N, C-alpha and C. Protein backbone atom coordinates (compact mmCIF):
# COMPACT_ATOMS: atom_id res chain seq x y z
N MET A 1 1.00 -1.02 -0.11
CA MET A 1 -0.08 -0.18 -0.45
C MET A 1 0.86 1.22 -0.11
N SER A 2 0.82 2.08 -0.52
CA SER A 2 2.06 2.95 -1.18
C SER A 2 0.86 4.37 -0.11
N HIS A 3 1.31 5.63 -0.34
CA HIS A 3 1.44 6.41 1.09
C HIS A 3 1.12 7.91 0.07
N SER A 4 0.14 8.07 0.97
CA SER A 4 0.24 9.85 0.31
C SER A 4 1.67 10.47 0.95
N PRO A 5 2.23 11.85 0.52
CA PRO A 5 3.97 12.49 1.00
C PRO A 5 2.76 13.14 2.12
N ALA A 6 3.65 13.19 3.26
CA ALA A 6 2.68 13.83 5.20
C ALA A 6 1.55 15.36 4.86
N ILE A 7 1.07 15.87 5.37
CA ILE A 7 1.28 17.08 4.85
C ILE A 7 2.19 17.85 5.89
N ALA A 8 2.69 17.81 6.80
CA ALA A 8 3.62 17.99 8.19
C ALA A 8 3.96 17.09 8.80
N THR A 9 5.97 17.84 8.91
CA THR A 9 6.86 16.46 9.17
C THR A 9 7.52 17.63 10.20
N CYS A 10 7.41 16.68 11.20
CA CYS A 10 8.63 17.70 12.79
C CYS A 10 9.02 16.31 12.88
N ARG A 11 10.72 16.93 13.63
CA ARG A 11 11.82 15.65 13.56
C ARG A 11 11.42 16.40 15.72
N TYR A 12 11.63 15.03 17.02
CA TYR A 12 11.77 15.11 17.92
C TYR A 12 13.09 14.77 18.13
N ALA A 13 13.44 16.02 18.97
CA ALA A 13 14.93 15.88 20.01
C ALA A 13 14.77 15.36 21.68
N PRO A 14 15.25 14.31 21.96
CA PRO A 14 15.18 14.26 23.15
C PRO A 14 15.67 14.78 24.27
N GLY A 15 14.29 15.22 25.16
CA GLY A 15 14.39 16.23 26.15
C GLY A 15 13.22 17.76 25.16
N LYS A 16 12.93 17.52 24.09
CA LYS A 16 12.53 18.74 23.62
C LYS A 16 10.74 18.61 23.03
N LEU A 17 9.51 17.78 23.87
CA LEU A 17 8.86 16.98 23.95
C LEU A 17 7.55 18.41 23.74
N GLU A 18 7.80 19.17 23.90
CA GLU A 18 6.97 20.71 24.12
C GLU A 18 6.64 21.30 23.42
N ASP A 19 8.17 20.70 22.06
CA ASP A 19 7.43 21.53 20.66
C ASP A 19 7.25 20.30 19.43
N VAL A 20 7.19 18.83 19.79
CA VAL A 20 6.70 18.46 19.55
C VAL A 20 4.97 17.91 19.57
N LEU A 21 5.19 18.27 20.70
CA LEU A 21 3.17 18.97 21.39
C LEU A 21 2.98 19.97 20.37
N GLU A 22 3.64 21.45 20.92
CA GLU A 22 2.70 22.35 19.56
C GLU A 22 2.50 21.96 18.69
N PHE A 23 4.04 22.02 18.17
CA PHE A 23 3.56 21.46 16.37
C PHE A 23 2.10 20.62 16.00
N LEU A 24 2.03 19.76 16.77
CA LEU A 24 0.58 18.40 16.24
C LEU A 24 -0.38 19.49 16.94
N LYS A 25 -0.75 20.47 17.12
CA LYS A 25 -1.59 21.53 17.86
C LYS A 25 -2.04 22.34 16.64
N ARG A 26 -0.65 22.74 15.87
CA ARG A 26 -0.75 23.39 15.05
C ARG A 26 -1.16 22.85 13.83
N ALA A 27 -0.92 21.70 13.64
CA ALA A 27 -1.31 20.62 12.22
C ALA A 27 -2.38 20.34 12.50
N ARG A 28 -2.57 19.79 13.61
CA ARG A 28 -3.89 19.03 13.74
C ARG A 28 -5.21 20.10 13.04
N ALA A 29 -4.97 21.35 12.80
CA ALA A 29 -6.34 22.48 12.02
C ALA A 29 -5.65 22.25 10.58
N GLU A 30 -5.27 21.71 9.97
CA GLU A 30 -5.12 21.39 8.37
C GLU A 30 -5.65 19.99 8.49
N LEU A 31 -5.82 18.79 9.15
CA LEU A 31 -6.58 17.39 9.08
C LEU A 31 -7.81 17.74 9.77
N MET A 32 -8.99 16.46 9.57
CA MET A 32 -9.93 16.79 9.79
C MET A 32 -10.03 15.57 10.92
N GLU A 33 -11.72 15.11 11.19
CA GLU A 33 -11.00 14.39 12.74
C GLU A 33 -10.13 13.46 12.42
N LEU A 34 -9.39 12.63 13.73
CA LEU A 34 -8.46 12.00 13.21
C LEU A 34 -8.59 11.25 13.39
N ARG A 35 -7.86 9.49 13.41
CA ARG A 35 -8.15 8.40 12.66
C ARG A 35 -7.87 7.94 13.40
N LYS A 36 -6.96 7.30 13.14
CA LYS A 36 -5.86 6.29 13.86
C LYS A 36 -4.19 7.12 13.38
N VAL A 37 -3.27 6.00 14.29
CA VAL A 37 -2.15 6.60 14.31
C VAL A 37 -1.08 5.08 14.42
N ARG A 38 -0.14 5.18 13.90
CA ARG A 38 0.74 4.07 13.53
C ARG A 38 2.44 4.62 14.27
N VAL A 39 2.59 3.59 15.14
CA VAL A 39 3.80 4.11 15.61
C VAL A 39 5.14 2.92 15.76
N TRP A 40 5.67 3.36 14.62
CA TRP A 40 6.54 2.63 14.23
C TRP A 40 8.53 2.93 15.77
N ARG A 41 9.23 2.32 15.32
CA ARG A 41 10.09 2.44 15.55
C ARG A 41 11.26 3.18 16.42
N GLU A 42 11.11 4.45 14.97
CA GLU A 42 12.03 5.57 14.75
C GLU A 42 10.50 6.66 14.35
N HIS A 43 9.50 6.89 13.84
CA HIS A 43 8.60 7.74 13.96
C HIS A 43 7.52 6.80 14.17
N VAL A 44 5.90 8.04 14.49
CA VAL A 44 5.19 8.14 13.96
C VAL A 44 3.85 9.14 12.33
N GLU A 45 3.23 7.94 12.49
CA GLU A 45 2.26 8.64 11.86
C GLU A 45 0.49 8.74 12.10
N ILE A 46 0.30 9.73 11.68
CA ILE A 46 -1.33 10.20 12.77
C ILE A 46 -2.45 11.20 11.08
N PHE A 47 -3.04 9.61 10.90
CA PHE A 47 -3.89 9.33 10.11
C PHE A 47 -5.55 10.34 10.45
N ASP A 48 -5.60 11.44 9.18
CA ASP A 48 -7.00 11.68 9.66
C ASP A 48 -7.66 10.79 9.10
N VAL A 49 -9.45 11.08 9.11
CA VAL A 49 -10.51 10.40 8.62
C VAL A 49 -10.61 10.42 6.45
N ASN A 50 -9.44 10.78 6.01
CA ASN A 50 -8.75 11.00 4.79
C ASN A 50 -8.62 10.07 4.34
N GLY A 51 -7.79 10.03 5.32
CA GLY A 51 -6.64 9.22 5.00
C GLY A 51 -5.27 10.46 4.74
N ASP A 52 -5.36 12.05 5.27
CA ASP A 52 -4.65 12.10 4.81
C ASP A 52 -3.37 12.47 6.08
N ARG A 53 -2.05 12.99 6.39
CA ARG A 53 -1.23 12.38 7.12
C ARG A 53 -0.56 13.60 7.82
N PHE A 54 -0.50 13.42 8.48
CA PHE A 54 1.32 13.92 9.48
C PHE A 54 2.19 13.67 10.26
N ASP A 55 4.02 13.13 10.11
CA ASP A 55 4.58 12.59 10.91
C ASP A 55 5.41 13.39 11.61
N VAL A 56 5.44 13.12 12.97
CA VAL A 56 6.73 12.76 13.56
C VAL A 56 7.87 11.84 13.54
N LEU A 57 9.45 11.97 12.91
CA LEU A 57 10.65 11.38 13.45
C LEU A 57 11.04 11.58 14.54
N ASP A 58 11.37 10.52 14.37
CA ASP A 58 12.96 10.80 15.36
C ASP A 58 12.08 9.52 16.74
N ILE A 59 11.15 9.59 16.81
CA ILE A 59 10.86 8.67 18.19
C ILE A 59 9.42 7.65 17.51
N GLY A 60 9.72 6.64 19.17
CA GLY A 60 8.58 5.89 18.30
C GLY A 60 8.92 4.91 19.73
N TYR A 61 7.52 4.01 19.15
CA TYR A 61 7.56 2.73 20.75
C TYR A 61 8.10 2.54 21.82
N PRO A 62 10.06 1.94 21.70
CA PRO A 62 10.62 2.41 22.37
C PRO A 62 10.78 3.67 23.34
N ASP A 63 10.06 4.89 22.96
CA ASP A 63 11.22 6.03 24.22
C ASP A 63 10.05 5.92 24.54
N THR A 64 10.15 6.92 25.75
CA THR A 64 9.64 7.11 26.85
C THR A 64 8.38 8.33 26.62
N ASP A 65 8.94 8.97 25.94
CA ASP A 65 8.09 10.66 25.83
C ASP A 65 6.84 9.84 24.37
N ILE A 66 5.94 8.47 23.78
CA ILE A 66 5.44 8.42 22.95
C ILE A 66 4.55 8.07 23.54
N VAL A 67 4.92 8.10 25.31
CA VAL A 67 3.08 7.39 26.24
C VAL A 67 2.38 9.20 26.04
N VAL A 68 3.31 10.40 26.22
CA VAL A 68 3.11 11.78 26.42
C VAL A 68 2.06 12.44 24.78
N LEU A 69 2.85 11.70 24.30
CA LEU A 69 2.78 11.69 23.09
C LEU A 69 1.11 11.63 22.27
N LEU A 70 0.87 9.95 22.56
CA LEU A 70 0.09 9.33 21.89
C LEU A 70 -1.32 9.87 22.62
N ARG A 71 -1.22 10.53 24.08
CA ARG A 71 -1.87 10.33 25.12
C ARG A 71 -2.88 11.90 23.96
N SER A 72 -1.42 12.82 23.79
CA SER A 72 -2.16 14.59 23.68
C SER A 72 -2.63 14.71 22.42
N ILE A 73 -2.58 12.46 21.78
CA ILE A 73 -3.66 13.25 20.29
C ILE A 73 -5.23 12.21 21.16
N GLY A 74 -5.01 11.67 21.60
CA GLY A 74 -6.43 10.64 21.69
C GLY A 74 -6.08 9.30 21.57
N THR A 75 -5.16 8.41 21.52
CA THR A 75 -4.69 7.73 21.63
C THR A 75 -5.63 6.46 22.44
N SER A 76 -6.09 5.63 22.22
CA SER A 76 -6.58 4.17 22.08
C SER A 76 -5.50 3.69 22.46
N PHE A 77 -4.53 3.41 24.04
CA PHE A 77 -3.66 2.04 24.20
C PHE A 77 -3.51 1.82 25.24
N LYS A 78 -2.41 0.91 25.20
CA LYS A 78 -1.70 0.53 27.47
C LYS A 78 -0.54 0.98 27.39
N PRO A 79 -0.16 1.73 28.12
CA PRO A 79 1.04 2.69 28.72
C PRO A 79 1.75 1.71 28.71
N ASP A 80 1.32 0.20 29.48
CA ASP A 80 1.83 -0.16 29.56
C ASP A 80 2.82 -1.74 29.29
N LEU A 81 1.96 -1.52 27.96
CA LEU A 81 2.39 -2.33 27.37
C LEU A 81 2.79 -1.95 25.71
N ILE A 82 2.88 -0.03 25.35
CA ILE A 82 3.71 0.54 24.51
C ILE A 82 5.25 0.12 24.03
N HIS A 83 5.48 -0.23 25.16
CA HIS A 83 7.09 0.01 24.77
C HIS A 83 8.01 -1.83 24.29
N ARG A 84 6.63 -3.05 24.71
CA ARG A 84 7.15 -3.94 23.79
C ARG A 84 7.48 -4.12 22.59
N PRO A 85 8.59 -4.38 22.47
CA PRO A 85 9.11 -5.37 20.91
C PRO A 85 7.60 -5.71 20.20
N ILE A 86 7.44 -5.72 18.92
CA ILE A 86 6.89 -6.44 18.40
C ILE A 86 7.44 -7.34 16.67
N GLU A 87 6.94 -8.04 16.56
CA GLU A 87 7.94 -8.33 15.14
C GLU A 87 6.93 -7.37 13.40
N ARG A 88 5.97 -6.70 13.87
CA ARG A 88 5.34 -6.25 12.77
C ARG A 88 6.31 -5.17 12.64
N ASP A 89 6.20 -4.40 11.73
CA ASP A 89 7.09 -2.92 11.26
C ASP A 89 6.44 -1.59 12.59
N TYR A 90 5.17 -1.67 12.33
CA TYR A 90 4.93 -0.95 13.54
C TYR A 90 2.95 -1.38 14.51
N LYS A 91 2.82 -0.32 15.12
CA LYS A 91 1.82 -0.87 16.08
C LYS A 91 0.41 0.17 15.40
N GLU A 92 -0.30 0.26 15.00
CA GLU A 92 -1.79 1.02 14.79
C GLU A 92 -2.44 1.03 15.93
N PHE A 93 -3.00 2.30 16.46
CA PHE A 93 -3.81 2.42 17.02
C PHE A 93 -4.76 3.28 16.77
N LYS A 94 -6.44 3.18 17.04
CA LYS A 94 -7.17 3.86 17.23
C LYS A 94 -7.35 5.24 17.74
N THR A 95 -8.07 6.78 17.34
CA THR A 95 -7.59 7.71 18.52
C THR A 95 -9.02 8.21 18.33
N GLY A 96 -9.26 9.13 18.79
CA GLY A 96 -9.96 9.46 18.97
C GLY A 96 -11.17 9.56 20.59
N ARG A 97 -10.07 8.77 21.45
CA ARG A 97 -10.95 8.40 22.57
C ARG A 97 -10.95 9.62 23.54
N ARG A 98 -11.98 9.33 24.65
CA ARG A 98 -13.06 10.24 25.53
C ARG A 98 -13.09 10.27 26.55
N PHE A 99 -12.20 10.75 27.55
CA PHE A 99 -12.37 10.67 28.89
C PHE A 99 -12.96 11.27 29.70
N PRO A 100 -13.80 9.97 30.46
CA PRO A 100 -15.72 10.98 31.54
C PRO A 100 -15.12 12.23 32.03
N TRP A 101 -15.84 13.44 31.94
CA TRP A 101 -16.02 14.15 32.87
C TRP A 101 -15.23 14.05 34.22
N ALA A 102 -14.86 14.48 35.31
CA ALA A 102 -14.60 13.83 36.57
C ALA A 102 -13.19 12.89 36.60
N GLU A 103 -12.84 11.98 35.95
CA GLU A 103 -11.95 10.96 35.56
C GLU A 103 -10.68 11.23 36.44
N ASP A 104 -10.93 12.24 36.71
CA ASP A 104 -9.21 12.04 37.54
C ASP A 104 -9.65 13.03 39.08
N ARG A 105 -10.88 13.19 39.70
CA ARG A 105 -11.03 13.65 40.80
C ARG A 105 -10.80 12.07 41.56
N ILE A 106 -10.65 11.90 42.72
CA ILE A 106 -11.04 10.84 44.02
C ILE A 106 -12.26 11.79 44.55
N LEU A 107 -13.07 10.81 44.44
CA LEU A 107 -14.08 10.12 44.95
C LEU A 107 -14.34 10.76 46.24
């Protein structure tokens, strides 16, 4: 399956996750509702419902900052399993996760 080129691309630098999160905020304005994310060993592809995508390079599922990145785009995944190696080229997850109101409050 061939991919069309990414609409936008950003490079991750260790310790500079805030720059990537800012890029994601700006780039999301160019996409429709997000549909899925593919996490490779060395980069991340984020797709919208039309198949358009943007990429974050130099970060992948082995990196610790991937958890924050995936949560920032509403990805449904298990944080304790994300770093485990797999035999396939990438891990694919759906996006659009919603959190219930007051989930973070202690009752």
